[in-house]
C-alpha atoms as a PDB file:
ATOM      1  CA  MET A   1      88.915  46.611 -94.890  1.00  0.00           C
ATOM      2  CA  ARG A   2      85.323  48.722 -95.949  1.00  0.00           C
ATOM      3  CA  LYS A   3      84.049  45.104 -96.787  1.00  0.00           C
ATOM      4  CA  LEU A   4      85.229  43.891 -93.500  1.00  0.00           C
ATOM      5  CA  TYR A   5      83.263  46.849 -91.894  1.00  0.00           C
ATOM      6  CA  GLU A   6      80.613  46.750 -93.999  1.00  0.00           C
ATOM      7  CA  SER A   7      79.927  42.912 -92.568  1.00  0.00           C
ATOM      8  CA  VAL A   8      80.191  44.021 -89.427  1.00  0.00           C
ATOM      9  CA  ASN A   9      77.543  46.956 -89.546  1.00  0.00           C
ATOM     10  CA  LEU A  10      75.214  44.057 -91.030  1.00  0.00           C
ATOM     11  CA  GLN A  11      76.077  41.795 -88.305  1.00  0.00           C
ATOM     12  CA  LYS A  12      75.219  44.026 -85.619  1.00  0.00           C
ATOM     13  CA  PRO A  13      71.543  44.637 -86.237  1.00  0.00           C
ATOM     14  CA  ARG A  14      70.929  40.599 -86.719  1.00  0.00           C
ATOM     15  CA  GLY A  15      72.383  40.356 -83.659  1.00  0.00           C
ATOM     16  CA  HIS A  16      70.541  43.397 -81.695  1.00  0.00           C
ATOM     17  CA  LYS A  17      67.224  42.265 -83.047  1.00  0.00           C
ATOM     18  CA  ALA A  18      67.391  38.975 -82.338  1.00  0.00           C
ATOM     19  CA  LEU A  19      68.303  39.676 -78.360  1.00  0.00           C
ATOM     20  CA  LEU A  20      65.509  42.470 -78.015  1.00  0.00           C
ATOM     21  CA  GLY A  21      63.587  39.009 -79.349  1.00  0.00           C
ATOM     22  CA  ASN A  22      65.180  36.720 -77.079  1.00  0.00           C
ATOM     23  CA  ILE A  23      64.536  39.333 -73.876  1.00  0.00           C
ATOM     24  CA  PHE A  24      61.054  40.241 -75.230  1.00  0.00           C
ATOM     25  CA  SER A  25      59.965  36.840 -75.223  1.00  0.00           C
ATOM     26  CA  GLY A  26      61.334  35.803 -71.582  1.00  0.00           C
ATOM     27  CA  LEU A  27      59.618  38.829 -70.143  1.00  0.00           C
ATOM     28  CA  VAL A  28      56.346  37.533 -72.088  1.00  0.00           C
ATOM     29  CA  ASP A  29      57.093  33.635 -70.213  1.00  0.00           C
ATOM     30  CA  ILE A  30      57.326  36.070 -66.981  1.00  0.00           C
ATOM     31  CA  ILE A  31      54.516  38.431 -67.056  1.00  0.00           C
ATOM     32  CA  TYR A  32      51.497  35.678 -68.771  1.00  0.00           C
ATOM     33  CA  PRO A  33      53.867  32.092 -68.185  1.00  0.00           C
ATOM     34  CA  LYS A  34      52.454  29.310 -70.775  1.00  0.00           C
ATOM     35  CA  THR A  35      50.131  27.344 -68.146  1.00  0.00           C
ATOM     36  CA  CYS A  36      48.746  23.601 -69.206  1.00  0.00           C
ATOM     37  CA  LEU A  37      45.084  24.027 -70.426  1.00  0.00           C
ATOM     38  CA  CYS A  38      43.663  21.057 -68.279  1.00  0.00           C
ATOM     39  CA  CYS A  39      45.301  22.532 -64.614  1.00  0.00           C
ATOM     40  CA  LYS A  40      46.538  25.546 -65.388  1.00  0.00           C
ATOM     41  CA  ALA A  41      49.781  24.114 -63.824  1.00  0.00           C
ATOM     42  CA  LYS A  42      52.650  26.374 -65.089  1.00  0.00           C
ATOM     43  CA  LEU A  43      54.339  24.579 -68.453  1.00  0.00           C
ATOM     44  CA  SER A  44      58.226  23.772 -67.974  1.00  0.00           C
ATOM     45  CA  ASP A  45      59.993  22.938 -71.362  1.00  0.00           C
ATOM     46  CA  SER A  46      60.882  19.249 -70.257  1.00  0.00           C
ATOM     47  CA  ASP A  47      57.195  18.185 -68.816  1.00  0.00           C
ATOM     48  CA  ALA A  48      54.776  19.633 -71.535  1.00  0.00           C
ATOM     49  CA  MET A  49      53.588  17.967 -74.796  1.00  0.00           C
ATOM     50  CA  ASP A  50      53.944  21.443 -77.439  1.00  0.00           C
ATOM     51  CA  GLU A  51      54.153  23.909 -75.134  1.00  0.00           C
ATOM     52  CA  ALA A  52      49.794  23.206 -74.097  1.00  0.00           C
ATOM     53  CA  ILE A  53      49.229  20.673 -71.823  1.00  0.00           C
ATOM     54  CA  CYS A  54      51.284  18.843 -69.446  1.00  0.00           C
ATOM     55  CA  LEU A  55      52.698  15.703 -69.103  1.00  0.00           C
ATOM     56  CA  SER A  56      50.541  14.265 -66.161  1.00  0.00           C
ATOM     57  CA  CYS A  57      47.266  15.296 -67.625  1.00  0.00           C
ATOM     58  CA  TRP A  58      48.438  13.753 -71.229  1.00  0.00           C
ATOM     59  CA  ARG A  59      49.136  10.484 -69.112  1.00  0.00           C
ATOM     60  CA  LYS A  60      45.336  10.760 -67.868  1.00  0.00           C
ATOM     61  CA  ILE A  61      43.601  10.469 -71.078  1.00  0.00           C
ATOM     62  CA  LYS A  62      42.104   6.639 -71.168  1.00  0.00           C
ATOM     63  CA  ARG A  63      42.989   4.765 -74.012  1.00  0.00           C
ATOM     64  CA  ASN A  64      40.818   2.789 -76.183  1.00  0.00           C
ATOM     65  CA  THR A  65      41.759  -0.846 -75.681  1.00  0.00           C
ATOM     66  CA  PRO A  66      41.366  -4.002 -77.515  1.00  0.00           C
ATOM     67  CA  PRO A  67      38.705  -5.715 -78.144  1.00  0.00           C
ATOM     68  CA  PHE A  68      37.191  -2.727 -80.555  1.00  0.00           C
ATOM     69  CA  CYS A  69      33.640  -3.188 -82.363  1.00  0.00           C
ATOM     70  CA  ILE A  70      34.321  -4.162 -85.820  1.00  0.00           C
ATOM     71  CA  ARG A  71      31.991  -1.360 -86.675  1.00  0.00           C
ATOM     72  CA  CYS A  72      32.261   1.536 -84.225  1.00  0.00           C
ATOM     73  CA  GLY A  73      35.958   1.072 -82.984  1.00  0.00           C
ATOM     74  CA  LYS A  74      34.417   1.443 -79.519  1.00  0.00           C
ATOM     75  CA  HIS A  75      35.920  -1.016 -76.568  1.00  0.00           C
ATOM     76  CA  LEU A  76      33.649  -4.504 -76.698  1.00  0.00           C
ATOM     77  CA  GLU A  77      32.594  -5.469 -73.285  1.00  0.00           C
ATOM     78  CA  LYS A  78      33.521  -9.640 -72.301  1.00  0.00           C
ATOM     79  CA  ASN A  79      29.754 -10.720 -73.340  1.00  0.00           C
ATOM     80  CA  ASN A  80      30.335  -9.178 -76.601  1.00  0.00           C
ATOM     81  CA  ILE A  81      33.690 -10.053 -77.604  1.00  0.00           C
ATOM     82  CA  SER A  82      32.587 -13.184 -79.334  1.00  0.00           C
ATOM     83  CA  LYS A  83      30.340 -11.155 -81.403  1.00  0.00           C
ATOM     84  CA  ASN A  84      32.747  -8.752 -82.297  1.00  0.00           C
ATOM     85  CA  ILE A  85      30.383  -6.511 -82.824  1.00  0.00           C
ATOM     86  CA  CYS A  86      28.743  -3.876 -79.874  1.00  0.00           C
ATOM     87  CA  PRO A  87      24.697  -3.639 -78.953  1.00  0.00           C
ATOM     88  CA  SER A  88      24.208  -0.294 -80.272  1.00  0.00           C
ATOM     89  CA  CYS A  89      25.583  -1.140 -83.446  1.00  0.00           C
ATOM     90  CA  THR A  90      23.551  -3.626 -83.840  1.00  0.00           C
ATOM     91  CA  ARG A  91      20.101  -1.883 -83.696  1.00  0.00           C
ATOM     92  CA  LYS A  92      21.424   0.616 -86.739  1.00  0.00           C
ATOM     93  CA  GLN A  93      22.607   1.519 -89.768  1.00  0.00           C
ATOM     94  CA  LEU A  94      26.508   2.496 -90.136  1.00  0.00           C
ATOM     95  CA  HIS A  95      27.235   3.506 -94.000  1.00  0.00           C
ATOM     96  CA  PHE A  96      31.382   3.887 -93.154  1.00  0.00           C
ATOM     97  CA  ASP A  97      32.975   0.195 -93.298  1.00  0.00           C
ATOM     98  CA  ARG A  98      34.869   0.589 -89.631  1.00  0.00           C
ATOM     99  CA  ALA A  99      35.276   3.631 -87.069  1.00  0.00           C
ATOM    100  CA  PHE A 100      38.852   3.828 -84.787  1.00  0.00           C
ATOM    101  CA  SER A 101      39.151   6.071 -82.627  1.00  0.00           C
ATOM    102  CA  PRO A 102      42.350   5.984 -80.381  1.00  0.00           C
ATOM    103  CA  SER A 103      40.726   7.383 -77.179  1.00  0.00           C
ATOM    104  CA  VAL A 104      37.439   7.518 -74.780  1.00  0.00           C
ATOM    105  CA  TYR A 105      35.474  10.492 -74.646  1.00  0.00           C
ATOM    106  CA  GLU A 106      35.729  11.601 -70.684  1.00  0.00           C
ATOM    107  CA  GLY A 107      38.090  13.650 -68.677  1.00  0.00           C
ATOM    108  CA  THR A 108      41.006  15.229 -69.494  1.00  0.00           C
ATOM    109  CA  LEU A 109      40.530  14.914 -73.301  1.00  0.00           C
ATOM    110  CA  LYS A 110      36.930  15.681 -73.017  1.00  0.00           C
ATOM    111  CA  GLU A 111      38.167  18.790 -71.856  1.00  0.00           C
ATOM    112  CA  LEU A 112      40.965  19.318 -74.384  1.00  0.00           C
ATOM    113  CA  ILE A 113      38.571  18.830 -77.617  1.00  0.00           C
ATOM    114  CA  HIS A 114      36.482  21.252 -75.970  1.00  0.00           C
ATOM    115  CA  GLN A 115      39.451  23.795 -76.149  1.00  0.00           C
ATOM    116  CA  PHE A 116      40.501  22.539 -79.309  1.00  0.00           C
ATOM    117  CA  LYS A 117      36.915  23.704 -80.732  1.00  0.00           C
ATOM    118  CA  TYR A 118      35.402  26.592 -78.799  1.00  0.00           C
ATOM    119  CA  LYS A 119      38.005  27.810 -77.078  1.00  0.00           C
ATOM    120  CA  GLY A 120      39.874  28.938 -80.388  1.00  0.00           C
ATOM    121  CA  LYS A 121      42.803  26.756 -79.462  1.00  0.00           C
ATOM    122  CA  GLY A 122      43.737  24.771 -83.021  1.00  0.00           C
ATOM    123  CA  HIS A 123      47.332  24.573 -82.407  1.00  0.00           C
ATOM    124  CA  ILE A 124      46.764  21.464 -79.707  1.00  0.00           C
ATOM    125  CA  GLY A 125      45.857  19.879 -82.868  1.00  0.00           C
ATOM    126  CA  LYS A 126      49.096  18.996 -83.561  1.00  0.00           C
ATOM    127  CA  PRO A 127      49.632  17.072 -80.020  1.00  0.00           C
ATOM    128  CA  LEU A 128      46.090  15.408 -80.479  1.00  0.00           C
ATOM    129  CA  SER A 129      47.025  14.108 -84.215  1.00  0.00           C
ATOM    130  CA  ARG A 130      49.377  11.935 -82.700  1.00  0.00           C
ATOM    131  CA  LEU A 131      47.326  10.033 -80.652  1.00  0.00           C
ATOM    132  CA  MET A 132      45.854   8.866 -83.666  1.00  0.00           C
ATOM    133  CA  LEU A 133      48.605   8.670 -85.222  1.00  0.00           C
ATOM    134  CA  HIS A 134      50.071   6.113 -82.203  1.00  0.00           C
ATOM    135  CA  PHE A 135      47.165   4.256 -82.277  1.00  0.00           C
ATOM    136  CA  ILE A 136      47.395   3.806 -86.321  1.00  0.00           C
ATOM    137  CA  LYS A 137      51.066   2.454 -85.607  1.00  0.00           C
ATOM    138  CA  GLU A 138      49.919   0.237 -82.679  1.00  0.00           C
ATOM    139  CA  TYR A 139      47.198  -1.601 -84.136  1.00  0.00           C
ATOM    140  CA  ARG A 140      48.292  -1.576 -87.717  1.00  0.00           C
ATOM    141  CA  VAL A 141      44.937   0.646 -88.480  1.00  0.00           C
ATOM    142  CA  PRO A 142      45.027  -0.233 -92.510  1.00  0.00           C
ATOM    143  CA  VAL A 143      45.991   3.222 -93.911  1.00  0.00           C
ATOM    144  CA  GLU A 144      48.338   1.861 -96.522  1.00  0.00           C
ATOM    145  CA  TYR A 145      45.048   1.236 -98.627  1.00  0.00           C
ATOM    146  CA  VAL A 146      43.519   4.880 -98.034  1.00  0.00           C
ATOM    147  CA  ASP A 147      43.323   7.231-101.211  1.00  0.00           C
ATOM    148  CA  LEU A 148      42.202  10.395 -99.536  1.00  0.00           C
ATOM    149  CA  ILE A 149      42.023  11.849 -95.765  1.00  0.00           C
ATOM    150  CA  VAL A 150      38.424  13.693 -96.071  1.00  0.00           C
ATOM    151  CA  PRO A 151      37.508  16.189 -92.874  1.00  0.00           C
ATOM    152  CA  VAL A 152      34.104  15.994 -91.706  1.00  0.00           C
ATOM    153  CA  PRO A 153      32.932  19.778 -92.647  1.00  0.00           C
ATOM    154  CA  LEU A 154      31.304  22.531 -91.126  1.00  0.00           C
ATOM    155  CA  HIS A 155      28.322  24.345 -92.644  1.00  0.00           C
ATOM    156  CA  LYS A 156      29.801  27.453 -93.579  1.00  0.00           C
ATOM    157  CA  ALA A 157      28.021  29.700 -91.317  1.00  0.00           C
ATOM    158  CA  ARG A 158      29.689  27.560 -88.397  1.00  0.00           C
ATOM    159  CA  LEU A 159      32.626  27.893 -90.248  1.00  0.00           C
ATOM    160  CA  ARG A 160      32.696  31.579 -90.058  1.00  0.00           C
ATOM    161  CA  GLN A 161      31.890  31.336 -86.157  1.00  0.00           C
ATOM    162  CA  ARG A 162      34.717  29.644 -85.499  1.00  0.00           C
ATOM    163  CA  GLU A 163      37.263  30.373 -88.139  1.00  0.00           C
ATOM    164  CA  PHE A 164      38.367  26.657 -87.980  1.00  0.00           C
ATOM    165  CA  ASN A 165      37.346  23.956 -89.119  1.00  0.00           C
ATOM    166  CA  GLN A 166      38.972  20.885 -86.298  1.00  0.00           C
ATOM    167  CA  ALA A 167      38.446  18.131 -88.678  1.00  0.00           C
ATOM    168  CA  HIS A 168      40.302  20.115 -91.163  1.00  0.00           C
ATOM    169  CA  ILE A 169      43.621  20.721 -88.862  1.00  0.00           C
ATOM    170  CA  LEU A 170      43.422  16.844 -87.376  1.00  0.00           C
ATOM    171  CA  SER A 171      43.647  15.633 -91.291  1.00  0.00           C
ATOM    172  CA  SER A 172      46.592  17.492 -91.889  1.00  0.00           C
ATOM    173  CA  HIS A 173      48.611  16.375 -89.557  1.00  0.00           C
ATOM    174  CA  LEU A 174      47.576  13.009 -90.302  1.00  0.00           C
ATOM    175  CA  ALA A 175      48.220  13.553 -93.867  1.00  0.00           C
ATOM    176  CA  LYS A 176      51.869  14.791 -93.467  1.00  0.00           C
ATOM    177  CA  ASP A 177      53.278  11.887 -91.488  1.00  0.00           C
ATOM    178  CA  LEU A 178      51.136   9.384 -93.334  1.00  0.00           C
ATOM    179  CA  SER A 179      52.336  10.912 -96.795  1.00  0.00           C
ATOM    180  CA  LYS A 180      48.677  11.173 -97.851  1.00  0.00           C
ATOM    181  CA  THR A 181      46.419  13.660 -99.604  1.00  0.00           C
ATOM    182  CA  VAL A 182      43.924  15.937 -98.147  1.00  0.00           C
ATOM    183  CA  SER A 183      41.355  17.335-100.203  1.00  0.00           C
ATOM    184  CA  PRO A 184      39.045  19.819 -97.316  1.00  0.00           C
ATOM    185  CA  ASP A 185      36.396  20.338-100.056  1.00  0.00           C
ATOM    186  CA  ILE A 186      35.283  17.388-101.581  1.00  0.00           C
ATOM    187  CA  LEU A 187      32.702  17.074 -98.988  1.00  0.00           C
ATOM    188  CA  ILE A 188      30.640  19.943 -98.093  1.00  0.00           C
ATOM    189  CA  ARG A 189      27.625  20.599 -95.811  1.00  0.00           C
ATOM    190  CA  ASN A 190      24.500  22.159 -97.948  1.00  0.00           C
ATOM    191  CA  ARG A 191      22.807  22.703 -94.817  1.00  0.00           C
ATOM    192  CA  ASP A 192      22.992  24.373 -90.774  1.00  0.00           C
ATOM    193  CA  THR A 193      21.819  21.387 -88.968  1.00  0.00           C
ATOM    194  CA  ARG A 194      21.120  21.700 -85.047  1.00  0.00           C
ATOM    195  CA  THR A 195      24.295  20.419 -83.021  1.00  0.00           C
ATOM    196  CA  GLN A 196      23.892  17.225 -82.438  1.00  0.00           C
ATOM    197  CA  THR A 197      24.924  17.229 -78.664  1.00  0.00           C
ATOM    198  CA  ASP A 198      21.935  18.681 -77.564  1.00  0.00           C
ATOM    199  CA  LEU A 199      19.636  15.974 -79.253  1.00  0.00           C
ATOM    200  CA  GLU A 200      18.930  12.099 -77.794  1.00  0.00           C
ATOM    201  CA  PRO A 201      20.586   9.162 -80.109  1.00  0.00           C
ATOM    202  CA  GLU A 202      17.559   8.223 -82.295  1.00  0.00           C
ATOM    203  CA  MET A 203      17.305  11.624 -83.201  1.00  0.00           C
ATOM    204  CA  ARG A 204      21.092  12.561 -84.186  1.00  0.00           C
ATOM    205  CA  PHE A 205      20.622  10.551 -87.478  1.00  0.00           C
ATOM    206  CA  SER A 206      17.464  12.229 -88.702  1.00  0.00           C
ATOM    207  CA  ASN A 207      18.759  15.619 -87.772  1.00  0.00           C
ATOM    208  CA  VAL A 208      22.071  14.853 -90.401  1.00  0.00           C
ATOM    209  CA  LYS A 209      19.719  13.065 -92.658  1.00  0.00           C
ATOM    210  CA  GLY A 210      20.854  14.619 -96.140  1.00  0.00           C
ATOM    211  CA  SER A 211      23.549  17.257 -94.513  1.00  0.00           C
ATOM    212  CA  PHE A 212      26.199  16.321 -96.890  1.00  0.00           C
ATOM    213  CA  SER A 213      27.108  16.577-100.471  1.00  0.00           C
ATOM    214  CA  VAL A 214      29.924  15.844-102.921  1.00  0.00           C
ATOM    215  CA  THR A 215      31.318  18.709-105.203  1.00  0.00           C
ATOM    216  CA  ASP A 216      33.348  16.335-107.607  1.00  0.00           C
ATOM    217  CA  THR A 217      32.657  12.767-107.895  1.00  0.00           C
ATOM    218  CA  ALA A 218      34.974  12.077-110.074  1.00  0.00           C
ATOM    219  CA  GLN A 219      37.991  12.645-107.613  1.00  0.00           C
ATOM    220  CA  ILE A 220      36.353   9.649-105.278  1.00  0.00           C
ATOM    221  CA  ARG A 221      34.725   7.333-107.703  1.00  0.00           C
ATOM    222  CA  GLY A 222      36.851   4.037-106.707  1.00  0.00           C
ATOM    223  CA  LYS A 223      38.594   5.890-104.339  1.00  0.00           C
ATOM    224  CA  ASN A 224      39.130   4.484-100.646  1.00  0.00           C
ATOM    225  CA  ILE A 225      38.320   7.483 -97.924  1.00  0.00           C
ATOM    226  CA  LEU A 226      39.621   8.078 -94.422  1.00  0.00           C
ATOM    227  CA  LEU A 227      37.183  10.327 -92.851  1.00  0.00           C
ATOM    228  CA  VAL A 228      38.327  12.425 -90.139  1.00  0.00           C
ATOM    229  CA  ASP A 229      35.997  14.299 -87.363  1.00  0.00           C
ATOM    230  CA  ASP A 230      36.851  14.545 -82.993  1.00  0.00           C
ATOM    231  CA  VAL A 231      34.556  12.766 -81.703  1.00  0.00           C
ATOM    232  CA  LEU A 232      32.311   9.588 -82.753  1.00  0.00           C
ATOM    233  CA  THR A 233      29.097   9.197 -80.203  1.00  0.00           C
ATOM    234  CA  THR A 234      26.947   7.448 -81.861  1.00  0.00           C
ATOM    235  CA  GLY A 235      28.037   7.981 -85.657  1.00  0.00           C
ATOM    236  CA  ALA A 236      25.479   9.559 -86.805  1.00  0.00           C
ATOM    237  CA  THR A 237      27.476  12.268 -88.454  1.00  0.00           C
ATOM    238  CA  CYS A 238      30.137  10.430 -89.903  1.00  0.00           C
ATOM    239  CA  SER A 239      27.936   7.417 -91.330  1.00  0.00           C
ATOM    240  CA  GLU A 240      25.663  10.651 -93.285  1.00  0.00           C
ATOM    241  CA  ALA A 241      29.026  11.795 -94.429  1.00  0.00           C
ATOM    242  CA  ALA A 242      29.559   8.157 -95.457  1.00  0.00           C
ATOM    243  CA  TYR A 243      26.662   8.059 -97.412  1.00  0.00           C
ATOM    244  CA  ALA A 244      27.589  11.242 -99.114  1.00  0.00           C
ATOM    245  CA  LEU A 245      31.041   9.567-100.272  1.00  0.00           C
ATOM    246  CA  LYS A 246      29.477   6.124-100.939  1.00  0.00           C
ATOM    247  CA  ASP A 247      26.582   7.663-102.942  1.00  0.00           C
ATOM    248  CA  SER A 248      29.000   9.445-105.732  1.00  0.00           C
ATOM    249  CA  GLY A 249      31.491   5.903-106.356  1.00  0.00           C
ATOM    250  CA  ALA A 250      33.713   6.063-103.346  1.00  0.00           C
ATOM    251  CA  ASN A 251      35.094   2.879-102.529  1.00  0.00           C
ATOM    252  CA  ILE A 252      35.589   2.044 -98.817  1.00  0.00           C
ATOM    253  CA  VAL A 253      35.229   4.762 -96.373  1.00  0.00           C
ATOM    254  CA  PHE A 254      37.041   3.963 -92.658  1.00  0.00           C
ATOM    255  CA  VAL A 255      36.838   6.370 -90.145  1.00  0.00           C
ATOM    256  CA  MET A 256      39.259   8.081 -87.303  1.00  0.00           C
ATOM    257  CA  THR A 257      38.159  10.097 -84.841  1.00  0.00           C
ATOM    258  CA  LEU A 258      40.249  11.157 -81.434  1.00  0.00           C
ATOM    259  CA  ALA A 259      37.420   9.642 -79.002  1.00  0.00           C
ATOM    260  CA  ASN A 260      34.240   7.659 -79.738  1.00  0.00           C
END
């Protein structure tokens, strides 16, 4: 009887706490209801991606469709299909072997990436990474040949300011689903460059030149790398990062970004 009495008494607090937790959670939802990061509409469990984005906004994300440029991965217009490369890539030297992006950097996705990077919404890295994973599977991106996933690093000053690296978050989700290894510290940004957003396309390459270095060449020598970032516009940042990796002995460097 005593053991039964003690077991009942031990169970009571746990049930009581669970009940209080559910009540508190319900009150929080009433006072601060979950809303879509884009349209601000109230979210329901049946109409949301990871309690962050409503399905209506999610469906508005413009997907990148083939044919793709064999260098930057952007959609090719009809007059460039025979060449398999966009006019922009014919005029510049890119050090990565090929880039892939599931989406176009505009509208809903542009807003989500802004929230992700600058508004501390690191939790939406999980649903955003699904765009990449779906693209990899749908278009058979050859990730089976990838040895390491490397996020494009932030300079330590910017990392302190932002408190997280969005490329590292995306890389971690990809690595988990693809059963790959993430190496977040093997590539570093050795100087704090100006933000690329404010620069003209031709200035972006000179702005990042020499800004990356590898901390351990032995880990990447002869390896195939998947370099991950959020957005590829001119390709300058990823190209310079790929140059540092290849200069230290990496073999193939693919690039995967959320958008281009």
